[in-house]
Amino acid sequence: MIEFKKENLTVEDAFWVMKNFLQKHYELSNNTIEISDLLSFIEPMDWNGSKVKVPADNSMIEYWNEAFEKYKNEGKPDWKKIK
């Protein structure tokens, strides 16, 4: 089973990791994903009776870890300039 990385994040760090996570899913869905779909994918489930909650779609952990690695490697995104 894939596990979450054991790292400490500030609230701001978690915000930018979530941005990466959501952006990845938006791109994977050809820019069509609905928030209700994403929420159902990450709904906590106890699949084996061990009281360990994992997302309904276990690949969500992998995507989160990838989003975290992207943040660690690239940092905060550049600010967009409003014209």
C-alpha atoms as a PDB file:
ATOM      1  CA  MET A   1       0.000   0.000   0.000  1.00  0.00           C
ATOM      2  CA  ILE A   2       1.198   3.497  -0.823  1.00  0.00           C
ATOM      3  CA  GLU A   3       1.679   5.698   2.230  1.00  0.00           C
ATOM      4  CA  PHE A   4       1.735   9.420   2.752  1.00  0.00           C
ATOM      5  CA  LYS A   5       5.180  10.940   3.137  1.00  0.00           C
ATOM      6  CA  LYS A   6       5.985  11.753   6.738  1.00  0.00           C
ATOM      7  CA  GLU A   7       6.815  15.454   6.502  1.00  0.00           C
ATOM      8  CA  ASN A   8       5.794  18.517   8.452  1.00  0.00           C
ATOM      9  CA  LEU A   9       4.163  21.274   6.454  1.00  0.00           C
ATOM     10  CA  THR A  10       3.178  24.771   7.410  1.00  0.00           C
ATOM     11  CA  VAL A  11      -0.359  25.777   6.566  1.00  0.00           C
ATOM     12  CA  GLU A  12       1.023  27.804   3.660  1.00  0.00           C
ATOM     13  CA  ASP A  13       3.098  24.850   2.404  1.00  0.00           C
ATOM     14  CA  ALA A  14       0.008  22.631   2.502  1.00  0.00           C
ATOM     15  CA  PHE A  15      -1.914  25.243   0.514  1.00  0.00           C
ATOM     16  CA  TRP A  16       0.666  25.207  -2.310  1.00  0.00           C
ATOM     17  CA  VAL A  17       0.897  21.406  -2.277  1.00  0.00           C
ATOM     18  CA  MET A  18      -2.913  21.270  -2.616  1.00  0.00           C
ATOM     19  CA  LYS A  19      -2.687  23.686  -5.542  1.00  0.00           C
ATOM     20  CA  ASN A  20      -0.268  21.276  -7.259  1.00  0.00           C
ATOM     21  CA  PHE A  21      -2.543  18.330  -6.406  1.00  0.00           C
ATOM     22  CA  LEU A  22      -5.646  19.989  -7.858  1.00  0.00           C
ATOM     23  CA  GLN A  23      -3.794  21.248 -10.937  1.00  0.00           C
ATOM     24  CA  LYS A  24      -2.572  17.717 -11.695  1.00  0.00           C
ATOM     25  CA  HIS A  25      -6.107  16.301 -11.538  1.00  0.00           C
ATOM     26  CA  TYR A  26      -7.476  19.114 -13.645  1.00  0.00           C
ATOM     27  CA  GLU A  27      -4.876  18.381 -16.314  1.00  0.00           C
ATOM     28  CA  LEU A  28      -5.376  14.596 -16.111  1.00  0.00           C
ATOM     29  CA  SER A  29      -9.106  15.067 -16.736  1.00  0.00           C
ATOM     30  CA  ASN A  30      -8.546  17.235 -19.821  1.00  0.00           C
ATOM     31  CA  ASN A  31      -9.738  20.212 -17.779  1.00  0.00           C
ATOM     32  CA  THR A  32     -13.138  18.677 -17.003  1.00  0.00           C
ATOM     33  CA  ILE A  33     -12.934  17.277 -13.453  1.00  0.00           C
ATOM     34  CA  GLU A  34     -15.784  18.154 -11.089  1.00  0.00           C
ATOM     35  CA  ILE A  35     -15.051  18.867  -7.450  1.00  0.00           C
ATOM     36  CA  SER A  36     -17.617  16.218  -6.454  1.00  0.00           C
ATOM     37  CA  ASP A  37     -15.590  13.601  -8.350  1.00  0.00           C
ATOM     38  CA  LEU A  38     -12.383  14.619  -6.651  1.00  0.00           C
ATOM     39  CA  LEU A  39     -14.021  14.612  -3.229  1.00  0.00           C
ATOM     40  CA  SER A  40     -15.322  11.086  -3.812  1.00  0.00           C
ATOM     41  CA  PHE A  41     -11.811   9.931  -4.810  1.00  0.00           C
ATOM     42  CA  ILE A  42     -10.345  11.217  -1.540  1.00  0.00           C
ATOM     43  CA  GLU A  43     -13.200  10.075   0.733  1.00  0.00           C
ATOM     44  CA  PRO A  44     -11.574   8.234   3.664  1.00  0.00           C
ATOM     45  CA  MET A  45     -12.226   4.491   3.718  1.00  0.00           C
ATOM     46  CA  ASP A  46     -11.225   1.656   6.013  1.00  0.00           C
ATOM     47  CA  TRP A  47     -10.683  -1.141   3.499  1.00  0.00           C
ATOM     48  CA  ASN A  48      -9.250  -3.839   5.731  1.00  0.00           C
ATOM     49  CA  GLY A  49     -10.766  -3.276   9.158  1.00  0.00           C
ATOM     50  CA  SER A  50      -7.475  -1.981  10.563  1.00  0.00           C
ATOM     51  CA  LYS A  51      -8.930   1.425  11.416  1.00  0.00           C
ATOM     52  CA  VAL A  52      -6.391   3.000   9.067  1.00  0.00           C
ATOM     53  CA  LYS A  53      -8.249   5.406   6.837  1.00  0.00           C
ATOM     54  CA  VAL A  54      -7.057   5.721   3.268  1.00  0.00           C
ATOM     55  CA  PRO A  55      -8.645   7.530   0.320  1.00  0.00           C
ATOM     56  CA  ALA A  56     -11.286   5.619  -1.632  1.00  0.00           C
ATOM     57  CA  ASP A  57      -8.913   5.802  -4.601  1.00  0.00           C
ATOM     58  CA  ASN A  58      -5.550   4.797  -3.171  1.00  0.00           C
ATOM     59  CA  SER A  59      -3.721   6.491  -6.043  1.00  0.00           C
ATOM     60  CA  MET A  60      -4.676   9.827  -4.455  1.00  0.00           C
ATOM     61  CA  ILE A  61      -1.855   9.263  -1.951  1.00  0.00           C
ATOM     62  CA  GLU A  62       0.599   8.892  -4.807  1.00  0.00           C
ATOM     63  CA  TYR A  63      -0.705  12.075  -6.440  1.00  0.00           C
ATOM     64  CA  TRP A  64      -0.444  13.949  -3.138  1.00  0.00           C
ATOM     65  CA  ASN A  65       3.134  12.747  -2.657  1.00  0.00           C
ATOM     66  CA  GLU A  66       3.958  13.861  -6.213  1.00  0.00           C
ATOM     67  CA  ALA A  67       2.407  17.274  -5.535  1.00  0.00           C
ATOM     68  CA  PHE A  68       4.497  17.510  -2.385  1.00  0.00           C
ATOM     69  CA  GLU A  69       7.702  16.593  -4.241  1.00  0.00           C
ATOM     70  CA  LYS A  70       6.919  19.191  -6.895  1.00  0.00           C
ATOM     71  CA  TYR A  71       6.530  21.811  -4.174  1.00  0.00           C
ATOM     72  CA  LYS A  72       9.784  20.742  -2.515  1.00  0.00           C
ATOM     73  CA  ASN A  73      11.627  20.947  -5.835  1.00  0.00           C
ATOM     74  CA  GLU A  74       9.990  24.032  -7.342  1.00  0.00           C
ATOM     75  CA  GLY A  75       8.730  25.985  -4.340  1.00  0.00           C
ATOM     76  CA  LYS A  76       5.884  28.454  -4.517  1.00  0.00           C
ATOM     77  CA  PRO A  77       4.556  29.279  -7.967  1.00  0.00           C
ATOM     78  CA  ASP A  78       5.395  32.616  -9.538  1.00  0.00           C
ATOM     79  CA  TRP A  79       2.813  35.331  -9.048  1.00  0.00           C
ATOM     80  CA  LYS A  80       0.726  36.142 -12.085  1.00  0.00           C
ATOM     81  CA  LYS A  81       0.651  39.767 -13.029  1.00  0.00           C
ATOM     82  CA  ILE A  82      -2.749  41.339 -13.527  1.00  0.00           C
ATOM     83  CA  LYS A  83      -2.754  43.786 -16.402  1.00  0.00           C
END
